[in-house]
Amino acid sequence: MDLDLLKTFLEVSRTGHFGQAAANLHLTQSAVSARIRLLEDELGQKLFVRGSSGVRLSEPGQSFSKQAVRMLALWEESKELVNQGAEGQVRLSVALAPAALELYAALWIDQIDRDQPKWALRLSSQAHTPNLLGGEWDLYLGFEAPKGAGLEVLQLGELPLVLVSSTPEDWTGSMIEIDWGANLRSLHARRHPEARLARFGLDSPHAVLGLLNQRGGAAYLPQAWAGQLDKNLVVVSGDRPLRVPLMGSYRKRGEQAEAARSALLLLQVALNGDCGGSTHLS
């Protein structure tokens, strides 16, 4: 089917007027009318109901409108895939744990931009580990790995976390939880069995730091932040850092497996060069 017919149909549908659609498409009104007639002849259905003030979609037109949008989207996606192969481009859909997105996204993008200028990454926060085998995501970065026999997991390092509190002598009832993964929850429970469950949880480490400064409380924050705390916050005395793994996962046999692995290794390179920053791993 001629894509120009679909685009013309959707523009008439959007504007409700042949003349306005013609102006937007830089065509004559007679050319727009001819395209719509040709499309209606091909489908064997009247797509518009004409009225004195313009046109509106008929019942068959409403059904066809959804299909037309899908067909044009599929065409654009196909063009992207062809161009990707022709120009050496890579497009990766990346799911990240919220805290990982906040800490590592900018660093990762900078490294990709320097080393792989033809690559494109779509980074999205995911509160739960995604199903990489479903195909929606090419890779996942977080503090625990998704489960699945068809996945490859790379540990990029460990993030040291320290327990920070505004009341270091009595913090056990004032925890604010950042989701650093199941490993930290287990380590914390073994080290501090007396601590009560956190009443509040936030996805953003920076937001938690701001909240601690405003109203007090306790939370695990990156050890690299310890030297930048306000005077009302201190690291709990005698509490050694707990280390959580930063892990990247991708499908072993996915079309983007090689690119996903390369992207994770580039992040590792960036992290190793960020020894003084808040993202520093050990």
Protein backbone atom coordinates (compact mmCIF):
# COMPACT_ATOMS: atom_id res chain seq x y z
CA MET A 1 0.00 0.00 0.00
CA ASP A 2 1.22 3.49 -0.88
CA LEU A 3 2.47 5.18 2.28
CA ASP A 4 1.51 8.58 0.89
CA LEU A 5 -2.10 7.42 0.90
CA LEU A 6 -1.81 6.50 4.58
CA LYS A 7 -0.20 9.83 5.48
CA THR A 8 -2.88 11.73 3.59
CA PHE A 9 -5.65 9.72 5.24
CA LEU A 10 -4.25 10.39 8.72
CA GLU A 11 -3.83 14.10 8.03
CA VAL A 12 -7.43 14.45 6.84
CA SER A 13 -8.52 12.48 9.89
CA ARG A 14 -6.51 14.77 12.18
CA THR A 15 -7.69 18.06 10.66
CA GLY A 16 -11.23 17.04 9.72
CA HIS A 17 -10.91 19.08 6.55
CA PHE A 18 -9.59 18.32 3.05
CA GLY A 19 -8.42 21.89 2.48
CA GLN A 20 -6.44 22.11 5.72
CA ALA A 21 -4.90 18.69 5.13
CA ALA A 22 -3.88 19.78 1.62
CA ALA A 23 -2.19 22.91 2.99
CA ASN A 24 -0.32 20.93 5.64
CA LEU A 25 0.85 18.37 3.07
CA HIS A 26 1.70 21.01 0.45
CA LEU A 27 -0.77 19.50 -2.01
CA THR A 28 -3.80 20.74 -3.85
CA GLN A 29 -7.19 19.89 -2.41
CA SER A 30 -8.03 17.91 -5.54
CA ALA A 31 -4.87 15.81 -5.06
CA VAL A 32 -5.90 15.03 -1.48
CA SER A 33 -9.42 14.11 -2.61
CA ALA A 34 -7.97 11.85 -5.31
CA ARG A 35 -5.76 10.05 -2.82
CA ILE A 36 -8.64 9.44 -0.43
CA ARG A 37 -10.82 8.12 -3.27
CA LEU A 38 -8.04 5.76 -4.35
CA LEU A 39 -7.62 4.49 -0.79
CA GLU A 40 -11.37 3.98 -0.39
CA ASP A 41 -11.44 2.09 -3.71
CA GLU A 42 -8.61 -0.19 -2.56
CA LEU A 43 -10.33 -0.93 0.75
CA GLY A 44 -13.86 -1.06 -0.64
CA GLN A 45 -15.11 1.16 2.18
CA LYS A 46 -16.03 4.80 2.66
CA LEU A 47 -13.54 6.15 5.20
CA PHE A 48 -15.07 9.58 5.81
CA VAL A 49 -18.53 11.02 6.34
CA ARG A 50 -18.81 14.39 4.62
CA GLY A 51 -20.63 17.27 6.25
CA SER A 52 -21.09 20.99 5.74
CA SER A 53 -18.31 21.89 8.19
CA GLY A 54 -15.81 19.22 7.17
CA VAL A 55 -15.38 15.47 7.41
CA ARG A 56 -15.25 12.88 10.15
CA LEU A 57 -14.21 9.27 10.17
CA SER A 58 -16.83 6.68 9.30
CA GLU A 59 -17.02 3.50 11.36
CA PRO A 60 -14.71 1.62 8.91
CA GLY A 61 -12.47 4.71 8.89
CA GLN A 62 -12.10 4.58 12.67
CA SER A 63 -11.03 0.95 12.50
CA PHE A 64 -8.61 1.61 9.65
CA SER A 65 -7.10 4.63 11.42
CA LYS A 66 -5.53 2.41 14.12
CA GLN A 67 -4.07 0.12 11.47
CA ALA A 68 -2.71 3.06 9.47
CA VAL A 69 -0.84 4.37 12.51
CA ARG A 70 0.65 0.91 13.14
CA MET A 71 1.71 0.49 9.50
CA LEU A 72 3.49 3.84 9.41
CA ALA A 73 5.19 3.11 12.74
CA LEU A 74 6.33 -0.27 11.44
CA TRP A 75 7.72 1.39 8.32
CA GLU A 76 9.69 3.91 10.39
CA GLU A 77 11.03 1.12 12.60
CA SER A 78 12.07 -0.87 9.52
CA LYS A 79 13.88 2.17 8.11
CA GLU A 80 15.77 2.56 11.39
CA LEU A 81 16.87 -1.08 11.32
CA VAL A 82 18.06 -0.80 7.73
CA ASN A 83 19.94 2.42 8.46
CA GLN A 84 21.40 0.89 11.56
CA GLY A 85 22.90 -1.95 9.57
CA ALA A 86 24.00 0.32 6.74
CA GLU A 87 25.65 3.00 8.85
CA GLY A 88 27.05 0.90 11.70
CA GLN A 89 24.61 2.37 14.19
CA VAL A 90 23.53 0.57 17.34
CA ARG A 91 20.37 1.33 19.30
CA LEU A 92 20.10 -0.16 22.78
CA SER A 93 17.16 -0.10 25.15
CA VAL A 94 18.55 -0.11 28.67
CA ALA A 95 16.61 -0.67 31.89
CA LEU A 96 18.27 0.53 35.08
CA ALA A 97 17.49 0.30 38.77
CA PRO A 98 16.43 3.83 39.82
CA ALA A 99 19.53 4.44 41.95
CA ALA A 100 21.77 3.11 39.17
CA LEU A 101 20.15 5.49 36.69
CA GLU A 102 20.81 8.44 38.98
CA LEU A 103 24.42 7.51 39.73
CA TYR A 104 25.66 6.20 36.41
CA ALA A 105 23.54 7.47 33.49
CA ALA A 106 25.46 10.68 32.82
CA LEU A 107 28.84 8.98 33.11
CA TRP A 108 27.74 6.18 30.79
CA ILE A 109 26.31 8.52 28.17
CA ASP A 110 29.53 10.58 28.15
CA GLN A 111 31.63 7.45 27.61
CA ILE A 112 29.38 6.13 24.81
CA ASP A 113 29.40 9.55 23.16
CA ARG A 114 33.21 9.61 23.15
CA ASP A 115 33.86 6.02 22.09
CA GLN A 116 30.81 5.10 19.99
CA PRO A 117 29.40 8.29 18.43
CA LYS A 118 27.02 6.31 16.18
CA TRP A 119 25.40 4.47 19.07
CA ALA A 120 22.12 5.49 20.68
CA LEU A 121 20.92 4.45 24.14
CA ARG A 122 17.44 4.76 25.61
CA LEU A 123 17.84 4.64 29.39
CA SER A 124 14.75 4.02 31.53
CA SER A 125 14.27 3.58 35.26
CA GLN A 126 12.73 0.26 36.30
CA ALA A 127 11.79 -0.32 39.92
CA HIS A 128 11.80 -4.10 39.41
CA THR A 129 14.25 -6.23 37.50
CA PRO A 130 12.81 -6.58 33.98
CA ASN A 131 12.25 -9.68 31.90
CA LEU A 132 15.15 -9.40 29.47
CA LEU A 133 14.09 -12.55 27.66
CA GLY A 134 10.87 -10.81 26.57
CA GLY A 135 12.81 -8.65 24.12
CA GLU A 136 11.65 -5.20 25.28
CA TRP A 137 15.04 -4.43 26.83
CA ASP A 138 18.51 -5.17 25.48
CA LEU A 139 20.25 -4.99 28.83
CA TYR A 140 19.76 -4.19 32.52
CA LEU A 141 22.01 -2.40 34.99
CA GLY A 142 21.34 -2.69 38.69
CA PHE A 143 22.43 -4.05 42.03
CA GLU A 144 21.06 -7.52 41.45
CA ALA A 145 20.73 -9.59 38.30
CA PRO A 146 17.50 -10.75 36.63
CA LYS A 147 16.99 -14.49 36.68
CA GLY A 148 17.01 -16.51 33.48
CA ALA A 149 18.99 -19.32 31.93
CA GLY A 150 19.51 -17.36 28.72
CA LEU A 151 21.17 -14.36 30.37
CA GLU A 152 24.78 -13.28 30.63
CA VAL A 153 25.73 -11.36 33.78
CA LEU A 154 28.78 -9.12 34.21
CA GLN A 155 29.77 -7.73 37.60
CA LEU A 156 31.28 -4.32 36.96
CA GLY A 157 32.44 -3.76 40.51
CA GLU A 158 31.10 -3.14 44.00
CA LEU A 159 29.61 0.06 45.39
CA PRO A 160 30.62 0.70 49.04
CA LEU A 161 27.72 2.07 51.07
CA VAL A 162 27.88 3.61 54.53
CA LEU A 163 25.13 4.03 57.09
CA VAL A 164 24.55 7.77 57.58
CA SER A 165 22.37 9.20 60.35
CA SER A 166 21.39 12.45 61.99
CA THR A 167 21.14 10.58 65.32
CA PRO A 168 23.99 8.03 65.21
CA GLU A 169 23.37 6.82 68.75
CA ASP A 170 19.70 6.01 68.09
CA TRP A 171 19.02 5.44 64.40
CA THR A 172 17.33 2.03 64.31
CA GLY A 173 13.79 3.39 64.05
CA SER A 174 14.45 6.12 61.51
CA MET A 175 15.64 4.26 58.42
CA ILE A 176 14.77 5.52 54.94
CA GLU A 177 15.26 2.79 52.38
CA ILE A 178 16.89 3.19 48.99
CA ASP A 179 16.59 0.04 46.91
CA TRP A 180 20.21 -1.08 46.66
CA GLY A 181 19.10 -4.65 45.96
CA ALA A 182 18.37 -7.79 47.96
CA ASN A 183 22.05 -8.26 48.82
CA LEU A 184 22.16 -5.08 50.92
CA ARG A 185 18.90 -5.93 52.69
CA SER A 186 20.36 -9.29 53.67
CA LEU A 187 23.68 -7.82 54.84
CA HIS A 188 21.92 -5.10 56.83
CA ALA A 189 19.58 -7.59 58.54
CA ARG A 190 22.51 -9.77 59.61
CA ARG A 191 24.56 -6.84 60.90
CA HIS A 192 21.69 -5.00 62.59
CA PRO A 193 18.97 -7.47 63.60
CA GLU A 194 17.69 -4.91 66.11
CA ALA A 195 16.80 -2.38 63.39
CA ARG A 196 13.14 -1.90 62.59
CA LEU A 197 11.81 -2.01 59.03
CA ALA A 198 12.07 1.26 57.16
CA ARG A 199 8.83 3.24 57.17
CA PHE A 200 9.76 5.24 54.07
CA GLY A 201 11.46 4.42 50.81
CA LEU A 202 12.65 6.61 47.95
CA ASP A 203 14.18 5.71 44.60
CA SER A 204 16.58 8.66 44.51
CA PRO A 205 19.75 8.69 46.67
CA HIS A 206 20.07 12.47 46.22
CA ALA A 207 16.47 12.97 47.32
CA VAL A 208 17.10 10.83 50.41
CA LEU A 209 20.18 12.91 51.25
CA GLY A 210 18.06 16.05 50.99
CA LEU A 211 15.40 14.50 53.19
CA LEU A 212 17.96 13.54 55.83
CA ASN A 213 19.22 17.11 55.87
CA GLN A 214 15.68 18.47 56.27
CA ARG A 215 14.12 16.13 58.81
CA GLY A 216 16.79 13.70 59.97
CA GLY A 217 16.84 9.94 59.79
CA ALA A 218 19.22 7.25 58.57
CA ALA A 219 20.03 5.66 55.23
CA TYR A 220 22.71 3.85 53.30
CA LEU A 221 24.52 6.24 50.92
CA PRO A 222 27.61 5.88 48.72
CA GLN A 223 30.80 5.99 50.79
CA ALA A 224 32.21 8.61 48.41
CA TRP A 225 29.58 11.03 49.71
CA ALA A 226 30.78 10.77 53.32
CA GLY A 227 33.18 13.69 52.98
CA GLN A 228 30.42 15.94 51.60
CA LEU A 229 27.80 15.50 54.32
CA ASP A 230 26.29 18.44 56.16
CA LYS A 231 27.42 18.78 59.78
CA ASN A 232 24.14 17.35 61.08
CA LEU A 233 24.80 14.01 59.34
CA VAL A 234 27.51 11.55 60.30
CA VAL A 235 28.53 8.03 59.42
CA VAL A 236 27.40 5.68 62.19
CA SER A 237 30.48 5.00 64.31
CA GLY A 238 32.06 1.59 63.89
CA ASP A 239 29.78 0.65 61.01
CA ARG A 240 31.97 -0.64 58.20
CA PRO A 241 30.89 -0.09 54.60
CA LEU A 242 28.60 -2.67 53.06
CA ARG A 243 29.38 -3.45 49.43
CA VAL A 244 26.72 -4.10 46.83
CA PRO A 245 27.55 -5.48 43.39
CA LEU A 246 26.85 -3.41 40.30
CA MET A 247 25.76 -5.90 37.65
CA GLY A 248 24.87 -5.72 34.00
CA SER A 249 22.78 -8.38 32.30
CA TYR A 250 21.85 -9.11 28.69
CA ARG A 251 20.52 -11.95 26.53
CA LYS A 252 23.27 -14.38 25.50
CA ARG A 253 21.77 -15.04 22.10
CA GLY A 254 20.11 -11.70 21.48
CA GLU A 255 20.78 -9.75 18.29
CA GLN A 256 22.28 -7.00 20.41
CA ALA A 257 24.35 -9.27 22.68
CA GLU A 258 27.72 -8.09 21.41
CA ALA A 259 26.71 -4.42 21.56
CA ALA A 260 25.20 -4.85 25.03
CA ARG A 261 28.40 -6.41 26.35
CA SER A 262 30.47 -3.65 24.76
CA ALA A 263 28.24 -0.98 26.30
CA LEU A 264 28.70 -2.50 29.77
CA LEU A 265 32.46 -2.68 29.32
CA LEU A 266 32.48 0.97 28.29
CA LEU A 267 30.67 1.83 31.52
CA GLN A 268 33.27 -0.15 33.43
CA VAL A 269 36.00 1.89 31.71
CA ALA A 270 34.20 5.11 32.71
CA LEU A 271 33.82 3.95 36.30
CA ASN A 272 37.49 3.05 36.60
CA GLY A 273 38.34 6.55 35.46
CA ASP A 274 35.97 8.17 37.98
CA CYS A 275 37.97 7.35 41.10
CA GLY A 276 37.17 10.67 42.73
CA GLY A 277 33.51 10.80 41.89
CA SER A 278 30.34 9.76 43.67
CA THR A 279 30.03 6.73 41.39
CA HIS A 280 33.36 5.22 42.48
CA LEU A 281 33.36 1.44 42.70
CA SER A 282 35.82 -0.85 44.36
